[in-house]
Amino acid sequence: MDGQTPVPWWRTRGGVAAIGFGLVAAFFVLREHYEHALGLLPYLLLLACPLMHLLMPHGHGVHHATGDARADRGDAPAGRSAPG
């Protein structure tokens, strides 16, 4: 390796151009089909929950099974020590 981190595709010239064209196309499609897009909003809200479950890396804030998450990290409140 040459020590350089790879550039994400959306930060390349082609990626910026593709995002720009996509935004312009989305603007004109939504402008012409505004009523249809508003009709899809309830379905998009229903779809948001499963998409969040798939795309969120840590779920619903599930903590370690060993006890309090603060104690596991070592920043327990005063008077409490981390489990030993």
N, C-alpha and C. Protein backbone atom coordinates (compact mmCIF):
# COMPACT_ATOMS: atom_id res chain seq x y z
N MET A 1 0.84 -1.18 0.00
CA MET A 1 0.00 0.00 0.00
C MET A 1 0.87 1.23 0.00
N ASP A 2 0.32 2.31 -0.48
CA ASP A 2 1.07 3.55 -0.56
C ASP A 2 0.81 4.48 0.62
N GLY A 3 0.03 4.05 1.61
CA GLY A 3 -0.20 4.84 2.79
C GLY A 3 -1.35 5.82 2.68
N GLN A 4 -1.97 5.93 1.51
CA GLN A 4 -3.09 6.85 1.35
C GLN A 4 -4.40 6.09 1.53
N THR A 5 -5.34 6.75 2.18
CA THR A 5 -6.64 6.14 2.33
C THR A 5 -7.44 6.36 1.04
N PRO A 6 -8.25 5.38 0.65
CA PRO A 6 -9.02 5.56 -0.58
C PRO A 6 -10.09 6.63 -0.41
N VAL A 7 -10.34 7.38 -1.47
CA VAL A 7 -11.34 8.44 -1.46
C VAL A 7 -12.70 7.81 -1.70
N PRO A 8 -13.73 8.17 -0.90
CA PRO A 8 -15.07 7.64 -1.16
C PRO A 8 -15.55 8.05 -2.55
N TRP A 9 -16.39 7.24 -3.16
CA TRP A 9 -16.80 7.50 -4.54
C TRP A 9 -17.53 8.82 -4.69
N TRP A 10 -18.27 9.24 -3.67
CA TRP A 10 -19.06 10.46 -3.79
C TRP A 10 -18.20 11.72 -3.68
N ARG A 11 -16.92 11.57 -3.34
CA ARG A 11 -16.03 12.73 -3.28
C ARG A 11 -15.16 12.84 -4.52
N THR A 12 -15.32 11.91 -5.45
CA THR A 12 -14.59 12.00 -6.72
C THR A 12 -15.35 12.92 -7.66
N ARG A 13 -14.72 13.32 -8.75
CA ARG A 13 -15.37 14.20 -9.72
C ARG A 13 -16.59 13.53 -10.33
N GLY A 14 -16.47 12.26 -10.65
CA GLY A 14 -17.60 11.53 -11.21
C GLY A 14 -18.74 11.37 -10.22
N GLY A 15 -18.40 11.13 -8.95
CA GLY A 15 -19.43 10.99 -7.93
C GLY A 15 -20.19 12.28 -7.69
N VAL A 16 -19.48 13.40 -7.65
CA VAL A 16 -20.14 14.69 -7.47
C VAL A 16 -21.05 14.99 -8.66
N ALA A 17 -20.58 14.67 -9.88
CA ALA A 17 -21.40 14.90 -11.07
C ALA A 17 -22.64 14.00 -11.05
N ALA A 18 -22.49 12.74 -10.64
CA ALA A 18 -23.64 11.83 -10.58
C ALA A 18 -24.66 12.30 -9.55
N ILE A 19 -24.19 12.75 -8.39
CA ILE A 19 -25.11 13.26 -7.36
C ILE A 19 -25.81 14.51 -7.87
N GLY A 20 -25.10 15.38 -8.54
CA GLY A 20 -25.71 16.60 -9.09
C GLY A 20 -26.79 16.28 -10.11
N PHE A 21 -26.49 15.37 -11.05
CA PHE A 21 -27.49 14.98 -12.03
C PHE A 21 -28.69 14.31 -11.36
N GLY A 22 -28.43 13.51 -10.34
CA GLY A 22 -29.52 12.85 -9.63
C GLY A 22 -30.43 13.85 -8.92
N LEU A 23 -29.83 14.87 -8.31
CA LEU A 23 -30.63 15.90 -7.64
C LEU A 23 -31.48 16.69 -8.62
N VAL A 24 -30.90 17.03 -9.78
CA VAL A 24 -31.67 17.76 -10.79
C VAL A 24 -32.80 16.90 -11.32
N ALA A 25 -32.53 15.62 -11.58
CA ALA A 25 -33.57 14.71 -12.07
C ALA A 25 -34.67 14.54 -11.02
N ALA A 26 -34.29 14.40 -9.76
CA ALA A 26 -35.29 14.25 -8.69
C ALA A 26 -36.15 15.51 -8.58
N PHE A 27 -35.55 16.67 -8.73
CA PHE A 27 -36.32 17.92 -8.68
C PHE A 27 -37.39 17.95 -9.76
N PHE A 28 -37.01 17.63 -11.00
CA PHE A 28 -37.98 17.70 -12.09
C PHE A 28 -39.03 16.60 -12.00
N VAL A 29 -38.64 15.42 -11.55
CA VAL A 29 -39.63 14.35 -11.40
C VAL A 29 -40.62 14.70 -10.30
N LEU A 30 -40.13 15.20 -9.17
CA LEU A 30 -41.04 15.58 -8.09
C LEU A 30 -41.91 16.78 -8.47
N ARG A 31 -41.37 17.67 -9.26
CA ARG A 31 -42.14 18.83 -9.68
C ARG A 31 -43.32 18.43 -10.56
N GLU A 32 -43.11 17.45 -11.42
CA GLU A 32 -44.17 17.01 -12.31
C GLU A 32 -45.13 16.04 -11.65
N HIS A 33 -44.67 15.32 -10.66
CA HIS A 33 -45.49 14.28 -10.03
C HIS A 33 -45.63 14.51 -8.53
N TYR A 34 -45.87 15.75 -8.15
CA TYR A 34 -45.95 16.13 -6.75
C TYR A 34 -47.05 15.38 -6.01
N GLU A 35 -48.22 15.25 -6.63
CA GLU A 35 -49.34 14.57 -5.98
C GLU A 35 -49.03 13.10 -5.74
N HIS A 36 -48.38 12.45 -6.70
CA HIS A 36 -48.03 11.04 -6.53
C HIS A 36 -47.00 10.87 -5.42
N ALA A 37 -46.06 11.80 -5.34
CA ALA A 37 -45.02 11.70 -4.31
C ALA A 37 -45.62 11.88 -2.92
N LEU A 38 -46.59 12.80 -2.78
CA LEU A 38 -47.23 12.98 -1.48
C LEU A 38 -48.06 11.76 -1.10
N GLY A 39 -48.60 11.06 -2.07
CA GLY A 39 -49.36 9.85 -1.79
C GLY A 39 -48.49 8.72 -1.27
N LEU A 40 -47.18 8.78 -1.52
CA LEU A 40 -46.26 7.74 -1.06
C LEU A 40 -45.72 8.00 0.34
N LEU A 41 -45.94 9.18 0.88
CA LEU A 41 -45.37 9.52 2.19
C LEU A 41 -45.76 8.54 3.31
N PRO A 42 -47.02 8.12 3.44
CA PRO A 42 -47.33 7.17 4.51
C PRO A 42 -46.55 5.86 4.38
N TYR A 43 -46.35 5.41 3.15
CA TYR A 43 -45.60 4.17 2.95
C TYR A 43 -44.12 4.36 3.26
N LEU A 44 -43.60 5.54 2.97
CA LEU A 44 -42.20 5.81 3.29
C LEU A 44 -41.99 5.84 4.80
N LEU A 45 -42.96 6.35 5.54
CA LEU A 45 -42.86 6.34 7.00
C LEU A 45 -42.87 4.91 7.53
N LEU A 46 -43.72 4.05 6.95
CA LEU A 46 -43.75 2.66 7.38
C LEU A 46 -42.46 1.93 7.01
N LEU A 47 -41.86 2.31 5.91
CA LEU A 47 -40.62 1.68 5.47
C LEU A 47 -39.41 2.17 6.26
N ALA A 48 -39.52 3.32 6.92
CA ALA A 48 -38.39 3.89 7.64
C ALA A 48 -37.93 3.01 8.80
N CYS A 49 -38.87 2.38 9.51
CA CYS A 49 -38.50 1.57 10.68
C CYS A 49 -37.66 0.36 10.28
N PRO A 50 -38.08 -0.47 9.32
CA PRO A 50 -37.22 -1.60 8.95
C PRO A 50 -35.88 -1.16 8.37
N LEU A 51 -35.88 -0.04 7.64
CA LEU A 51 -34.61 0.44 7.10
C LEU A 51 -33.67 0.88 8.21
N MET A 52 -34.20 1.51 9.25
CA MET A 52 -33.35 1.91 10.37
C MET A 52 -32.78 0.68 11.06
N HIS A 53 -33.57 -0.38 11.19
CA HIS A 53 -33.08 -1.59 11.83
C HIS A 53 -31.96 -2.23 11.00
N LEU A 54 -32.07 -2.14 9.70
CA LEU A 54 -31.03 -2.72 8.84
C LEU A 54 -29.77 -1.85 8.80
N LEU A 55 -29.94 -0.54 8.81
CA LEU A 55 -28.80 0.35 8.58
C LEU A 55 -28.13 0.85 9.85
N MET A 56 -28.81 0.79 11.00
CA MET A 56 -28.19 1.25 12.23
C MET A 56 -27.26 0.17 12.76
N PRO A 57 -26.04 0.53 13.11
CA PRO A 57 -25.07 -0.49 13.49
C PRO A 57 -25.28 -1.11 14.87
N HIS A 58 -25.98 -0.45 15.79
CA HIS A 58 -26.05 -0.96 17.15
C HIS A 58 -27.45 -1.26 17.65
N GLY A 59 -28.44 -1.19 16.82
CA GLY A 59 -29.78 -1.55 17.24
C GLY A 59 -30.41 -0.54 18.18
N HIS A 60 -31.16 -1.02 19.17
CA HIS A 60 -31.93 -0.18 20.07
C HIS A 60 -31.17 0.15 21.35
N GLY A 61 -29.89 0.34 21.30
CA GLY A 61 -29.14 0.69 22.49
C GLY A 61 -29.02 -0.47 23.46
N VAL A 62 -28.93 -1.68 22.97
CA VAL A 62 -28.81 -2.85 23.83
C VAL A 62 -27.46 -2.79 24.52
N HIS A 63 -27.47 -2.97 25.85
CA HIS A 63 -26.23 -2.90 26.61
C HIS A 63 -25.68 -4.29 26.85
N HIS A 64 -24.49 -4.32 27.38
CA HIS A 64 -23.85 -5.60 27.68
C HIS A 64 -24.67 -6.36 28.72
N ALA A 65 -24.63 -7.65 28.66
CA ALA A 65 -25.41 -8.48 29.59
C ALA A 65 -24.76 -8.54 30.97
N THR A 66 -23.54 -7.99 31.13
CA THR A 66 -22.83 -8.10 32.40
C THR A 66 -23.31 -7.08 33.42
N GLY A 67 -24.08 -6.07 33.00
CA GLY A 67 -24.55 -5.09 33.97
C GLY A 67 -24.74 -3.74 33.33
N ASP A 68 -24.58 -2.71 34.15
CA ASP A 68 -24.77 -1.35 33.71
C ASP A 68 -23.73 -0.98 32.66
N ALA A 69 -24.17 -0.34 31.59
CA ALA A 69 -23.25 0.01 30.50
C ALA A 69 -22.21 1.02 30.96
N ARG A 70 -22.60 1.94 31.87
CA ARG A 70 -21.63 2.93 32.36
C ARG A 70 -20.53 2.24 33.17
N ALA A 71 -20.91 1.23 33.94
CA ALA A 71 -19.91 0.52 34.74
C ALA A 71 -18.98 -0.28 33.83
N ASP A 72 -19.53 -0.80 32.74
CA ASP A 72 -18.70 -1.57 31.80
C ASP A 72 -17.67 -0.68 31.12
N ARG A 73 -18.02 0.60 30.90
CA ARG A 73 -17.09 1.52 30.25
C ARG A 73 -16.11 2.12 31.24
N GLY A 74 -16.40 2.04 32.53
CA GLY A 74 -15.50 2.59 33.52
C GLY A 74 -15.86 3.98 33.97
N ASP A 75 -17.01 4.53 33.53
CA ASP A 75 -17.39 5.87 33.96
C ASP A 75 -18.64 5.82 34.83
N ALA A 76 -18.61 4.94 35.80
CA ALA A 76 -19.74 4.77 36.72
C ALA A 76 -19.83 5.99 37.62
N PRO A 77 -21.04 6.29 38.14
CA PRO A 77 -21.21 7.42 39.06
C PRO A 77 -20.38 7.21 40.32
N ALA A 78 -20.20 8.30 41.07
CA ALA A 78 -19.42 8.23 42.31
C ALA A 78 -20.06 7.23 43.28
N GLY A 79 -19.23 6.46 43.94
CA GLY A 79 -19.72 5.48 44.91
C GLY A 79 -19.93 4.11 44.30
N ARG A 80 -19.84 4.01 42.99
CA ARG A 80 -19.99 2.69 42.35
C ARG A 80 -18.69 2.36 41.64
N SER A 81 -18.34 1.14 41.72
CA SER A 81 -17.13 0.71 41.02
C SER A 81 -17.52 -0.25 39.91
N ALA A 82 -16.66 -0.36 38.95
CA ALA A 82 -16.92 -1.27 37.83
C ALA A 82 -16.85 -2.70 38.34
N PRO A 83 -17.67 -3.60 37.79
CA PRO A 83 -17.63 -5.00 38.26
C PRO A 83 -16.25 -5.59 38.04
N GLY A 84 -15.81 -6.36 38.98
CA GLY A 84 -14.44 -6.83 38.95
C GLY A 84 -14.33 -8.21 38.54
